[in-house]
Amino acid sequence: MRTALLQSSGRPGSVAENLKVLDEAAGRAAEAGAGLLAAPEMFLTGYAIGGEIPHLAEPADGDSADAVADIATRHGLAVAYGYPERDGDTVYNSAQIISAEGARLANYRKTHLFGCFERDHFTPGGRQVVQTELNGLTVGLLICYDVEFPENVRAHALAGTDLLIVPTAQMHPYQFVPESMIPVRAFENQMYVAYVNRVGQEGEFEFVGLTTLAGPDGVARVRAGRASADLVFADADPAFLAASRAANPYLADRRPGLYGSLTA
């Protein structure tokens, strides 16, 4: 599946402007034959918006989800995007996948919150693995810091995730995550990992870009730069994935009986 990765911070604080950016990217992605467009963490509203988060947060089936569904159906591709989700009085840092037909396929709430900023504004989610089927692939979701915990990605591997979408807001000085950790996560878990980052200065944060899609061989299929917005493309190939899994014994050679202390 041709996958388009939107490296952009949009316009923090303006949902309307960010929907316009997403719409334009979806048009370009569709023209390039993509079946999925993925956008960064909190793309809908911006990340460093502080006290605006509770006011801009929306339900998973709110007006903005309807607007993204319209974008997906008009351009004929699935869309994954990050946003602040309101559920009653609770706000989550969430990511959602909407199909090319406008259906909400999967909604994931970030389970590992990073730093005081996130812990002050969000409640952690309670589901480790959220998946959906898309164009012949099992597609899963994590968000940013979640992927830095090997247990999360291994749980996806054991649940059969083929392509892991990771909307992120990775900042300086942690650029080693997209450069080194993401290809390793893809290799050790035998899956594709799409890591979709924000870029540039936003409030107190400097986002490092380096959006990438890594394959099960540990090789980055594409990597955006550090300084500017971009739309990059790479393929998640089911045939290559099957061959790689057949050749790599990591998952088959596990000895779960030895690992009990990891959850003690």
C-alpha atoms as a PDB file:
ATOM      1  CA  MET A   1       0.000   0.000   0.000  1.00  0.00           C
ATOM      2  CA  ARG A   2       1.373   3.354  -1.026  1.00  0.00           C
ATOM      3  CA  THR A   3       1.480   5.450   2.134  1.00  0.00           C
ATOM      4  CA  ALA A   4       1.756   9.233   2.263  1.00  0.00           C
ATOM      5  CA  LEU A   5       3.309  10.833   5.354  1.00  0.00           C
ATOM      6  CA  LEU A   6       2.550  14.499   6.026  1.00  0.00           C
ATOM      7  CA  GLN A   7       5.350  16.207   7.935  1.00  0.00           C
ATOM      8  CA  SER A   8       3.780  19.454   9.087  1.00  0.00           C
ATOM      9  CA  SER A   9       2.821  21.437  12.164  1.00  0.00           C
ATOM     10  CA  GLY A  10       0.004  23.165  10.315  1.00  0.00           C
ATOM     11  CA  ARG A  11      -1.262  26.253  12.115  1.00  0.00           C
ATOM     12  CA  PRO A  12      -1.406  25.717  15.879  1.00  0.00           C
ATOM     13  CA  GLY A  13      -4.733  26.768  17.342  1.00  0.00           C
ATOM     14  CA  SER A  14      -6.673  26.757  14.055  1.00  0.00           C
ATOM     15  CA  VAL A  15      -8.635  23.608  13.297  1.00  0.00           C
ATOM     16  CA  ALA A  16     -10.021  25.157  10.104  1.00  0.00           C
ATOM     17  CA  GLU A  17      -6.567  25.924   8.716  1.00  0.00           C
ATOM     18  CA  ASN A  18      -5.246  22.490   9.620  1.00  0.00           C
ATOM     19  CA  LEU A  19      -8.155  20.852   7.840  1.00  0.00           C
ATOM     20  CA  LYS A  20      -7.218  22.887   4.749  1.00  0.00           C
ATOM     21  CA  VAL A  21      -3.616  21.625   4.988  1.00  0.00           C
ATOM     22  CA  LEU A  22      -4.891  18.063   5.363  1.00  0.00           C
ATOM     23  CA  ASP A  23      -7.225  18.476   2.382  1.00  0.00           C
ATOM     24  CA  GLU A  24      -4.422  19.769   0.148  1.00  0.00           C
ATOM     25  CA  ALA A  25      -2.112  16.937   1.222  1.00  0.00           C
ATOM     26  CA  ALA A  26      -4.847  14.372   0.607  1.00  0.00           C
ATOM     27  CA  GLY A  27      -5.266  15.655  -2.938  1.00  0.00           C
ATOM     28  CA  ARG A  28      -1.546  15.328  -3.618  1.00  0.00           C
ATOM     29  CA  ALA A  29      -1.431  11.906  -1.978  1.00  0.00           C
ATOM     30  CA  ALA A  30      -4.352  10.624  -4.036  1.00  0.00           C
ATOM     31  CA  GLU A  31      -2.722  11.857  -7.252  1.00  0.00           C
ATOM     32  CA  ALA A  32       0.383   9.845  -6.289  1.00  0.00           C
ATOM     33  CA  GLY A  33      -1.684   6.686  -5.810  1.00  0.00           C
ATOM     34  CA  ALA A  34      -1.598   6.553  -2.005  1.00  0.00           C
ATOM     35  CA  GLY A  35      -4.162   4.467  -0.160  1.00  0.00           C
ATOM     36  CA  LEU A  36      -3.419   6.109   3.187  1.00  0.00           C
ATOM     37  CA  LEU A  37      -2.403   9.591   4.325  1.00  0.00           C
ATOM     38  CA  ALA A  38      -0.979   9.887   7.858  1.00  0.00           C
ATOM     39  CA  ALA A  39      -0.581  13.185   9.739  1.00  0.00           C
ATOM     40  CA  PRO A  40       1.303  13.962  12.987  1.00  0.00           C
ATOM     41  CA  GLU A  41       0.312  13.923  16.646  1.00  0.00           C
ATOM     42  CA  MET A  42      -2.279  16.580  17.579  1.00  0.00           C
ATOM     43  CA  PHE A  43      -2.319  17.729  13.955  1.00  0.00           C
ATOM     44  CA  LEU A  44      -5.926  18.842  14.070  1.00  0.00           C
ATOM     45  CA  THR A  45      -5.319  21.568  16.657  1.00  0.00           C
ATOM     46  CA  GLY A  46      -1.574  21.973  17.098  1.00  0.00           C
ATOM     47  CA  TYR A  47       0.497  20.556  19.939  1.00  0.00           C
ATOM     48  CA  ALA A  48       1.846  23.498  21.966  1.00  0.00           C
ATOM     49  CA  ILE A  49      -1.517  25.166  22.531  1.00  0.00           C
ATOM     50  CA  GLY A  50      -1.591  24.789  26.327  1.00  0.00           C
ATOM     51  CA  GLY A  51      -4.842  26.005  27.843  1.00  0.00           C
ATOM     52  CA  GLU A  52      -6.635  25.810  24.486  1.00  0.00           C
ATOM     53  CA  ILE A  53      -6.547  22.011  24.552  1.00  0.00           C
ATOM     54  CA  PRO A  54      -9.756  21.560  26.596  1.00  0.00           C
ATOM     55  CA  HIS A  55     -11.604  24.075  24.396  1.00  0.00           C
ATOM     56  CA  LEU A  56     -10.496  22.550  21.068  1.00  0.00           C
ATOM     57  CA  ALA A  57     -10.876  18.903  22.100  1.00  0.00           C
ATOM     58  CA  GLU A  58     -13.715  17.094  20.306  1.00  0.00           C
ATOM     59  CA  PRO A  59     -15.416  13.701  20.490  1.00  0.00           C
ATOM     60  CA  ALA A  60     -14.112  10.982  18.174  1.00  0.00           C
ATOM     61  CA  ASP A  61     -17.290  11.406  16.115  1.00  0.00           C
ATOM     62  CA  GLY A  62     -17.385  15.208  16.311  1.00  0.00           C
ATOM     63  CA  ASP A  63     -17.549  17.871  13.613  1.00  0.00           C
ATOM     64  CA  SER A  64     -13.857  17.645  12.782  1.00  0.00           C
ATOM     65  CA  ALA A  65     -14.077  13.870  12.351  1.00  0.00           C
ATOM     66  CA  ASP A  66     -16.901  14.506   9.884  1.00  0.00           C
ATOM     67  CA  ALA A  67     -14.705  17.034   8.059  1.00  0.00           C
ATOM     68  CA  VAL A  68     -11.853  14.505   7.830  1.00  0.00           C
ATOM     69  CA  ALA A  69     -14.328  11.887   6.575  1.00  0.00           C
ATOM     70  CA  ASP A  70     -15.350  14.310   3.826  1.00  0.00           C
ATOM     71  CA  ILE A  71     -11.683  14.806   2.873  1.00  0.00           C
ATOM     72  CA  ALA A  72     -11.132  11.041   2.789  1.00  0.00           C
ATOM     73  CA  THR A  73     -14.164  10.323   0.610  1.00  0.00           C
ATOM     74  CA  ARG A  74     -13.559  13.195  -1.821  1.00  0.00           C
ATOM     75  CA  HIS A  75      -9.982  12.076  -2.432  1.00  0.00           C
ATOM     76  CA  GLY A  76     -10.579   8.333  -2.159  1.00  0.00           C
ATOM     77  CA  LEU A  77      -8.001   7.409   0.481  1.00  0.00           C
ATOM     78  CA  ALA A  78      -7.879   6.617   4.192  1.00  0.00           C
ATOM     79  CA  VAL A  79      -6.659   9.318   6.596  1.00  0.00           C
ATOM     80  CA  ALA A  80      -4.918   8.877   9.967  1.00  0.00           C
ATOM     81  CA  TYR A  81      -4.511  11.973  12.134  1.00  0.00           C
ATOM     82  CA  GLY A  82      -3.804  13.067  15.698  1.00  0.00           C
ATOM     83  CA  TYR A  83      -6.198  15.203  17.733  1.00  0.00           C
ATOM     84  CA  PRO A  84      -7.296  15.966  21.321  1.00  0.00           C
ATOM     85  CA  GLU A  85     -10.294  13.765  22.064  1.00  0.00           C
ATOM     86  CA  ARG A  86     -12.999  14.776  24.532  1.00  0.00           C
ATOM     87  CA  ASP A  87     -15.017  12.036  26.187  1.00  0.00           C
ATOM     88  CA  GLY A  88     -17.261  13.677  28.766  1.00  0.00           C
ATOM     89  CA  ASP A  89     -14.981  15.628  31.092  1.00  0.00           C
ATOM     90  CA  THR A  90     -11.900  13.616  30.101  1.00  0.00           C
ATOM     91  CA  VAL A  91      -9.412  14.647  27.391  1.00  0.00           C
ATOM     92  CA  TYR A  92      -7.128  12.164  25.649  1.00  0.00           C
ATOM     93  CA  ASN A  93      -4.240  12.581  23.206  1.00  0.00           C
ATOM     94  CA  SER A  94      -5.715  10.469  20.418  1.00  0.00           C
ATOM     95  CA  ALA A  95      -5.250   9.319  16.831  1.00  0.00           C
ATOM     96  CA  GLN A  96      -7.937   8.119  14.476  1.00  0.00           C
ATOM     97  CA  ILE A  97      -8.108   6.344  11.106  1.00  0.00           C
ATOM     98  CA  ILE A  98     -10.982   7.140   8.757  1.00  0.00           C
ATOM     99  CA  SER A  99     -11.534   5.024   5.656  1.00  0.00           C
ATOM    100  CA  ALA A 100     -11.803   6.158   2.053  1.00  0.00           C
ATOM    101  CA  GLU A 101     -15.556   5.608   2.456  1.00  0.00           C
ATOM    102  CA  GLY A 102     -15.698   7.935   5.450  1.00  0.00           C
ATOM    103  CA  ALA A 103     -16.050   5.254   8.139  1.00  0.00           C
ATOM    104  CA  ARG A 104     -14.204   5.604  11.470  1.00  0.00           C
ATOM    105  CA  LEU A 105     -12.021   2.482  11.498  1.00  0.00           C
ATOM    106  CA  ALA A 106      -9.923   2.868  14.649  1.00  0.00           C
ATOM    107  CA  ASN A 107      -9.408   5.340  17.485  1.00  0.00           C
ATOM    108  CA  TYR A 108      -6.428   5.100  19.840  1.00  0.00           C
ATOM    109  CA  ARG A 109      -5.671   7.015  23.045  1.00  0.00           C
ATOM    110  CA  LYS A 110      -2.012   7.593  23.919  1.00  0.00           C
ATOM    111  CA  THR A 111      -1.052   5.342  26.820  1.00  0.00           C
ATOM    112  CA  HIS A 112       2.351   6.798  27.777  1.00  0.00           C
ATOM    113  CA  LEU A 113       2.233  10.554  28.329  1.00  0.00           C
ATOM    114  CA  PHE A 114       5.508  12.461  27.946  1.00  0.00           C
ATOM    115  CA  GLY A 115       6.526  15.127  30.433  1.00  0.00           C
ATOM    116  CA  CYS A 116       4.578  17.548  32.576  1.00  0.00           C
ATOM    117  CA  PHE A 117       2.957  19.240  29.569  1.00  0.00           C
ATOM    118  CA  GLU A 118       1.085  16.118  28.520  1.00  0.00           C
ATOM    119  CA  ARG A 119       0.382  14.861  32.032  1.00  0.00           C
ATOM    120  CA  ASP A 120      -1.135  18.248  32.911  1.00  0.00           C
ATOM    121  CA  HIS A 121      -3.529  18.210  29.948  1.00  0.00           C
ATOM    122  CA  PHE A 122      -4.377  14.593  29.142  1.00  0.00           C
ATOM    123  CA  THR A 123      -5.532  11.343  30.707  1.00  0.00           C
ATOM    124  CA  PRO A 124      -3.621   8.241  29.533  1.00  0.00           C
ATOM    125  CA  GLY A 125      -5.513   5.682  27.489  1.00  0.00           C
ATOM    126  CA  GLY A 126      -5.966   2.102  28.637  1.00  0.00           C
ATOM    127  CA  ARG A 127      -5.782   0.014  25.431  1.00  0.00           C
ATOM    128  CA  GLN A 128      -2.355  -1.047  24.223  1.00  0.00           C
ATOM    129  CA  VAL A 129      -3.319  -2.471  20.820  1.00  0.00           C
ATOM    130  CA  VAL A 130      -5.828  -0.834  18.482  1.00  0.00           C
ATOM    131  CA  GLN A 131      -5.976  -2.170  14.919  1.00  0.00           C
ATOM    132  CA  THR A 132      -7.999  -2.134  11.731  1.00  0.00           C
ATOM    133  CA  GLU A 133      -7.867  -3.819   8.324  1.00  0.00           C
ATOM    134  CA  LEU A 134      -6.959  -1.556   5.420  1.00  0.00           C
ATOM    135  CA  ASN A 135      -6.135  -2.516   1.830  1.00  0.00           C
ATOM    136  CA  GLY A 136      -5.035  -6.030   2.791  1.00  0.00           C
ATOM    137  CA  LEU A 137      -2.908  -4.944   5.746  1.00  0.00           C
ATOM    138  CA  THR A 138      -3.520  -5.013   9.483  1.00  0.00           C
ATOM    139  CA  VAL A 139      -2.848  -1.432  10.521  1.00  0.00           C
ATOM    140  CA  GLY A 140      -2.186  -0.425  14.144  1.00  0.00           C
ATOM    141  CA  LEU A 141      -1.793   2.865  15.991  1.00  0.00           C
ATOM    142  CA  LEU A 142       0.574   4.194  18.634  1.00  0.00           C
ATOM    143  CA  ILE A 143       1.425   7.827  19.413  1.00  0.00           C
ATOM    144  CA  CYS A 144       4.945   9.267  19.785  1.00  0.00           C
ATOM    145  CA  TYR A 145       6.363   8.273  23.212  1.00  0.00           C
ATOM    146  CA  ASP A 146       4.415   4.992  23.088  1.00  0.00           C
ATOM    147  CA  VAL A 147       6.715   3.575  20.407  1.00  0.00           C
ATOM    148  CA  GLU A 148       9.764   4.117  22.637  1.00  0.00           C
ATOM    149  CA  PHE A 149       8.519   1.337  24.927  1.00  0.00           C
ATOM    150  CA  PRO A 150       9.449  -1.978  23.253  1.00  0.00           C
ATOM    151  CA  GLU A 151       6.578  -3.762  24.985  1.00  0.00           C
ATOM    152  CA  ASN A 152       4.042  -1.695  23.051  1.00  0.00           C
ATOM    153  CA  VAL A 153       5.439  -2.530  19.647  1.00  0.00           C
ATOM    154  CA  ARG A 154       5.965  -6.197  20.550  1.00  0.00           C
ATOM    155  CA  ALA A 155       2.313  -6.386  21.618  1.00  0.00           C
ATOM    156  CA  HIS A 156       1.376  -5.146  18.146  1.00  0.00           C
ATOM    157  CA  ALA A 157       3.672  -7.691  16.524  1.00  0.00           C
ATOM    158  CA  LEU A 158       2.077 -10.542  18.491  1.00  0.00           C
ATOM    159  CA  ALA A 159      -1.373  -9.239  17.548  1.00  0.00           C
ATOM    160  CA  GLY A 160      -0.450  -9.337  13.849  1.00  0.00           C
ATOM    161  CA  THR A 161       0.057  -5.665  13.010  1.00  0.00           C
ATOM    162  CA  ASP A 162       1.614  -5.269   9.553  1.00  0.00           C
ATOM    163  CA  LEU A 163       1.863  -1.472   9.409  1.00  0.00           C
ATOM    164  CA  LEU A 164       2.169   0.568  12.597  1.00  0.00           C
ATOM    165  CA  ILE A 165       1.204   4.232  12.209  1.00  0.00           C
ATOM    166  CA  VAL A 166       2.833   6.498  14.802  1.00  0.00           C
ATOM    167  CA  PRO A 167       1.734  10.148  14.711  1.00  0.00           C
ATOM    168  CA  THR A 168       4.354  11.994  16.715  1.00  0.00           C
ATOM    169  CA  ALA A 169       5.553  15.332  18.066  1.00  0.00           C
ATOM    170  CA  GLN A 170       9.208  14.436  18.508  1.00  0.00           C
ATOM    171  CA  MET A 171      11.419  17.284  19.600  1.00  0.00           C
ATOM    172  CA  HIS A 172      15.097  18.181  19.947  1.00  0.00           C
ATOM    173  CA  PRO A 173      17.322  16.524  21.211  1.00  0.00           C
ATOM    174  CA  TYR A 174      15.583  13.191  20.583  1.00  0.00           C
ATOM    175  CA  GLN A 175      16.188  12.926  16.836  1.00  0.00           C
ATOM    176  CA  PHE A 176      17.884   9.557  17.418  1.00  0.00           C
ATOM    177  CA  VAL A 177      14.390   8.088  17.748  1.00  0.00           C
ATOM    178  CA  PRO A 178      13.421   8.487  14.069  1.00  0.00           C
ATOM    179  CA  GLU A 179      17.000   8.045  12.911  1.00  0.00           C
ATOM    180  CA  SER A 180      17.861   4.866  14.847  1.00  0.00           C
ATOM    181  CA  MET A 181      15.097   3.515  17.050  1.00  0.00           C
ATOM    182  CA  ILE A 182      12.283   3.337  14.501  1.00  0.00           C
ATOM    183  CA  PRO A 183      14.202   1.144  12.004  1.00  0.00           C
ATOM    184  CA  VAL A 184      15.162  -1.163  14.893  1.00  0.00           C
ATOM    185  CA  ARG A 185      11.553  -1.370  16.091  1.00  0.00           C
ATOM    186  CA  ALA A 186      10.488  -2.341  12.570  1.00  0.00           C
ATOM    187  CA  PHE A 187      13.202  -4.999  12.303  1.00  0.00           C
ATOM    188  CA  GLU A 188      12.845  -6.606  15.724  1.00  0.00           C
ATOM    189  CA  ASN A 189       9.059  -6.814  15.367  1.00  0.00           C
ATOM    190  CA  GLN A 190       8.885  -7.642  11.652  1.00  0.00           C
ATOM    191  CA  MET A 191       6.521  -4.913  10.541  1.00  0.00           C
ATOM    192  CA  TYR A 192       6.442  -1.574   8.765  1.00  0.00           C
ATOM    193  CA  VAL A 193       6.552   1.466  11.052  1.00  0.00           C
ATOM    194  CA  ALA A 194       5.425   4.874   9.784  1.00  0.00           C
ATOM    195  CA  TYR A 195       6.623   7.648  12.098  1.00  0.00           C
ATOM    196  CA  VAL A 196       4.979  10.969  11.177  1.00  0.00           C
ATOM    197  CA  ASN A 197       6.423  14.033  12.891  1.00  0.00           C
ATOM    198  CA  ARG A 198       5.791  17.721  13.350  1.00  0.00           C
ATOM    199  CA  VAL A 199       8.528  20.152  12.281  1.00  0.00           C
ATOM    200  CA  GLY A 200       9.936  23.518  13.342  1.00  0.00           C
ATOM    201  CA  GLN A 201       9.483  25.734  16.379  1.00  0.00           C
ATOM    202  CA  GLU A 202       6.161  25.664  18.192  1.00  0.00           C
ATOM    203  CA  GLY A 203       5.956  27.434  21.520  1.00  0.00           C
ATOM    204  CA  GLU A 204       8.710  26.057  23.748  1.00  0.00           C
ATOM    205  CA  PHE A 205       9.263  23.009  21.544  1.00  0.00           C
ATOM    206  CA  GLU A 206      11.522  22.499  18.526  1.00  0.00           C
ATOM    207  CA  PHE A 207      10.215  19.569  16.492  1.00  0.00           C
ATOM    208  CA  VAL A 208      12.844  17.676  14.535  1.00  0.00           C
ATOM    209  CA  GLY A 209      10.947  16.351  11.504  1.00  0.00           C
ATOM    210  CA  LEU A 210      12.726  13.268  10.106  1.00  0.00           C
ATOM    211  CA  THR A 211       9.394  11.601   9.299  1.00  0.00           C
ATOM    212  CA  THR A 212      10.138   8.063   8.146  1.00  0.00           C
ATOM    213  CA  LEU A 213       8.673   4.754   7.079  1.00  0.00           C
ATOM    214  CA  ALA A 214      10.911   1.817   8.015  1.00  0.00           C
ATOM    215  CA  GLY A 215      10.544  -1.731   6.733  1.00  0.00           C
ATOM    216  CA  PRO A 216      10.886  -5.131   8.414  1.00  0.00           C
ATOM    217  CA  ASP A 217      14.479  -5.293   7.147  1.00  0.00           C
ATOM    218  CA  GLY A 218      15.340  -2.283   9.317  1.00  0.00           C
ATOM    219  CA  VAL A 219      15.801  -0.011   6.300  1.00  0.00           C
ATOM    220  CA  ALA A 220      14.102   3.379   6.057  1.00  0.00           C
ATOM    221  CA  ARG A 221      12.112   3.477   2.825  1.00  0.00           C
ATOM    222  CA  VAL A 222      11.871   7.263   3.009  1.00  0.00           C
ATOM    223  CA  ARG A 223      12.958   9.992   5.399  1.00  0.00           C
ATOM    224  CA  ALA A 224      11.979  13.653   5.349  1.00  0.00           C
ATOM    225  CA  GLY A 225      14.352  16.425   6.367  1.00  0.00           C
ATOM    226  CA  ARG A 226      14.603  18.287   9.653  1.00  0.00           C
ATOM    227  CA  ALA A 227      13.795  21.841   8.644  1.00  0.00           C
ATOM    228  CA  SER A 228      10.594  22.056   6.620  1.00  0.00           C
ATOM    229  CA  ALA A 229       7.158  20.658   5.961  1.00  0.00           C
ATOM    230  CA  ASP A 230       7.025  17.835   3.440  1.00  0.00           C
ATOM    231  CA  LEU A 231       4.841  15.096   1.997  1.00  0.00           C
ATOM    232  CA  VAL A 232       6.771  11.869   1.451  1.00  0.00           C
ATOM    233  CA  PHE A 233       5.733   8.477   0.106  1.00  0.00           C
ATOM    234  CA  ALA A 234       6.704   4.862   0.659  1.00  0.00           C
ATOM    235  CA  ASP A 235       5.158   1.442   0.078  1.00  0.00           C
ATOM    236  CA  ALA A 236       4.179  -1.150   2.660  1.00  0.00           C
ATOM    237  CA  ASP A 237       4.520  -4.337   0.597  1.00  0.00           C
ATOM    238  CA  PRO A 238       2.671  -7.413   1.937  1.00  0.00           C
ATOM    239  CA  ALA A 239       4.776  -9.808  -0.161  1.00  0.00           C
ATOM    240  CA  PHE A 240       8.062  -8.393   1.117  1.00  0.00           C
ATOM    241  CA  LEU A 241       6.718  -8.457   4.661  1.00  0.00           C
ATOM    242  CA  ALA A 242       5.749 -12.136   4.370  1.00  0.00           C
ATOM    243  CA  ALA A 243       9.177 -13.059   2.999  1.00  0.00           C
ATOM    244  CA  SER A 244      10.933 -11.106   5.739  1.00  0.00           C
ATOM    245  CA  ARG A 245       8.872 -12.782   8.453  1.00  0.00           C
ATOM    246  CA  ALA A 246       9.640 -16.196   7.006  1.00  0.00           C
ATOM    247  CA  ALA A 247      13.374 -15.462   7.082  1.00  0.00           C
ATOM    248  CA  ASN A 248      13.591 -13.709  10.469  1.00  0.00           C
ATOM    249  CA  PRO A 249      13.147 -15.981  13.536  1.00  0.00           C
ATOM    250  CA  TYR A 250      12.776 -13.301  16.243  1.00  0.00           C
ATOM    251  CA  LEU A 251       9.110 -13.860  17.007  1.00  0.00           C
ATOM    252  CA  ALA A 252       9.256 -17.643  16.644  1.00  0.00           C
ATOM    253  CA  ASP A 253      12.333 -17.909  18.887  1.00  0.00           C
ATOM    254  CA  ARG A 254      10.828 -16.001  21.796  1.00  0.00           C
ATOM    255  CA  ARG A 255      10.711 -17.780  25.198  1.00  0.00           C
ATOM    256  CA  PRO A 256       7.843 -16.058  27.022  1.00  0.00           C
ATOM    257  CA  GLY A 257       8.299 -18.246  30.087  1.00  0.00           C
ATOM    258  CA  LEU A 258      11.521 -16.367  30.845  1.00  0.00           C
ATOM    259  CA  TYR A 259       9.971 -12.907  30.659  1.00  0.00           C
ATOM    260  CA  GLY A 260       7.687 -12.862  33.675  1.00  0.00           C
ATOM    261  CA  SER A 261       9.930 -10.464  35.596  1.00  0.00           C
ATOM    262  CA  LEU A 262       9.229  -7.782  32.968  1.00  0.00           C
ATOM    263  CA  THR A 263       5.740  -7.307  34.392  1.00  0.00           C
ATOM    264  CA  ALA A 264       6.551  -7.852  38.056  1.00  0.00           C
END
